[in-house]
Each structure stands twice: as C-alpha cells, then as structure tokens.
C-alpha cells in the first residue's frame, strides 16, 4: 500500500483490546489488540487510514478503534 500526498498525523487511536485481531489484506493494515496507531485520514464511516509502529500504512475498521 502506498499513500500519495503529504502525511499529517491527525491523532492517535488504540485498537480495542476486546477486538478480534485481523490479518492484513491488499489495502488493510494488520492490527493487534491494544496497538496504538497514527491516524492519517478519516476516509469514510467504515474505515480509517492508519500507520503502525513499523511505518506501514493501511485501512482499519472504525469499529475496532478507540480514542486515547
């Protein structure tokens, strides 16, 4: 997954510790429970574009994200 444009971190959010861990896909970021992610873009009502600590980008479902 490659992100075009300038990267501005809007906020940081945590993956819900009770959420099911998800494997990545073509454009989806793999997530681990309790992981803190940088939010790059609120893309739509279902997904957020995020960056993890390994500097990888991808979409994460909003349903598994919690504000810090």
C-alpha atoms as a PDB file:
ATOM      1  CA  UNK A   1       0.000   0.000   0.000  1.00  0.00           C
ATOM      2  CA  UNK A   2       1.395   3.356  -0.984  1.00  0.00           C
ATOM      3  CA  UNK A   3      -0.002   6.639   0.286  1.00  0.00           C
ATOM      4  CA  UNK A   4       0.122   9.603  -2.081  1.00  0.00           C
ATOM      5  CA  UNK A   5       0.364  13.122  -0.671  1.00  0.00           C
ATOM      6  CA  UNK A   6       1.697  14.723   2.468  1.00  0.00           C
ATOM      7  CA  UNK A   7       1.438  12.760   5.686  1.00  0.00           C
ATOM      8  CA  UNK A   8      -0.084  14.598   8.618  1.00  0.00           C
ATOM      9  CA  UNK A   9      -0.913  12.611  11.736  1.00  0.00           C
ATOM     10  CA  UNK A  10      -4.366  13.777  12.828  1.00  0.00           C
ATOM     11  CA  UNK A  11      -4.479  11.854  16.097  1.00  0.00           C
ATOM     12  CA  UNK A  12      -3.550   8.539  17.678  1.00  0.00           C
ATOM     13  CA  UNK A  13      -6.023   5.793  18.481  1.00  0.00           C
ATOM     14  CA  UNK A  14      -5.874   2.379  20.102  1.00  0.00           C
ATOM     15  CA  UNK A  15      -7.160  -0.898  18.723  1.00  0.00           C
ATOM     16  CA  UNK A  16      -9.856  -2.187  21.089  1.00  0.00           C
ATOM     17  CA  UNK A  17      -8.302  -4.799  23.434  1.00  0.00           C
ATOM     18  CA  UNK A  18     -11.502  -6.866  23.071  1.00  0.00           C
ATOM     19  CA  UNK A  19     -11.424  -6.768  19.247  1.00  0.00           C
ATOM     20  CA  UNK A  20     -10.574  -9.738  17.082  1.00  0.00           C
ATOM     21  CA  UNK A  21      -7.074  -9.470  15.657  1.00  0.00           C
ATOM     22  CA  UNK A  22      -7.189  -9.029  11.905  1.00  0.00           C
ATOM     23  CA  UNK A  23      -4.740 -10.048   9.250  1.00  0.00           C
ATOM     24  CA  UNK A  24      -3.868  -7.526   6.629  1.00  0.00           C
ATOM     25  CA  UNK A  25      -5.134  -7.617   3.106  1.00  0.00           C
ATOM     26  CA  UNK A  26      -4.426  -5.763  -0.103  1.00  0.00           C
ATOM     27  CA  UNK A  27      -5.008  -2.340   1.457  1.00  0.00           C
ATOM     28  CA  UNK A  28      -5.909  -3.321   5.021  1.00  0.00           C
ATOM     29  CA  UNK A  29      -3.449  -2.938   7.856  1.00  0.00           C
ATOM     30  CA  UNK A  30      -2.996  -5.968  10.127  1.00  0.00           C
ATOM     31  CA  UNK A  31      -3.964  -4.986  13.681  1.00  0.00           C
ATOM     32  CA  UNK A  32      -3.174  -6.342  17.127  1.00  0.00           C
ATOM     33  CA  UNK A  33      -5.288  -5.790  20.233  1.00  0.00           C
ATOM     34  CA  UNK A  34      -4.142  -2.783  22.247  1.00  0.00           C
ATOM     35  CA  UNK A  35      -1.901  -1.485  19.450  1.00  0.00           C
ATOM     36  CA  UNK A  36      -1.570   2.313  19.141  1.00  0.00           C
ATOM     37  CA  UNK A  37      -1.935   3.613  15.576  1.00  0.00           C
ATOM     38  CA  UNK A  38      -1.369   7.015  13.975  1.00  0.00           C
ATOM     39  CA  UNK A  39      -4.496   8.230  12.181  1.00  0.00           C
ATOM     40  CA  UNK A  40      -3.610   9.735   8.798  1.00  0.00           C
ATOM     41  CA  UNK A  41      -7.083  10.191   7.327  1.00  0.00           C
ATOM     42  CA  UNK A  42     -10.715   9.591   8.294  1.00  0.00           C
ATOM     43  CA  UNK A  43     -11.660   8.122   4.914  1.00  0.00           C
ATOM     44  CA  UNK A  44     -15.325   7.183   5.437  1.00  0.00           C
ATOM     45  CA  UNK A  45     -17.815   5.915   8.040  1.00  0.00           C
ATOM     46  CA  UNK A  46     -16.369   2.384   7.991  1.00  0.00           C
ATOM     47  CA  UNK A  47     -12.597   2.826   7.708  1.00  0.00           C
ATOM     48  CA  UNK A  48      -9.672   4.961   8.842  1.00  0.00           C
ATOM     49  CA  UNK A  49      -6.300   5.203   7.102  1.00  0.00           C
ATOM     50  CA  UNK A  50      -3.651   4.448   9.738  1.00  0.00           C
ATOM     51  CA  UNK A  51       0.083   3.903  10.191  1.00  0.00           C
ATOM     52  CA  UNK A  52       1.533   1.418  12.675  1.00  0.00           C
ATOM     53  CA  UNK A  53       4.809   1.478  14.605  1.00  0.00           C
ATOM     54  CA  UNK A  54       6.580  -0.331  11.729  1.00  0.00           C
ATOM     55  CA  UNK A  55       5.657   2.655   9.467  1.00  0.00           C
ATOM     56  CA  UNK A  56       3.240   0.504   7.425  1.00  0.00           C
ATOM     57  CA  UNK A  57       0.008   2.029   6.134  1.00  0.00           C
ATOM     58  CA  UNK A  58      -3.446   0.628   5.544  1.00  0.00           C
ATOM     59  CA  UNK A  59      -7.130   0.826   6.291  1.00  0.00           C
ATOM     60  CA  UNK A  60      -8.520  -0.179   9.684  1.00  0.00           C
ATOM     61  CA  UNK A  61     -12.226  -0.637  10.520  1.00  0.00           C
ATOM     62  CA  UNK A  62     -13.561   2.199  12.679  1.00  0.00           C
ATOM     63  CA  UNK A  63     -15.456  -0.349  14.763  1.00  0.00           C
ATOM     64  CA  UNK A  64     -12.227  -1.629  16.368  1.00  0.00           C
ATOM     65  CA  UNK A  65     -10.719   1.799  17.134  1.00  0.00           C
ATOM     66  CA  UNK A  66     -10.877   3.625  20.477  1.00  0.00           C
ATOM     67  CA  UNK A  67      -9.798   7.207  21.231  1.00  0.00           C
ATOM     68  CA  UNK A  68      -6.852   7.613  23.598  1.00  0.00           C
END
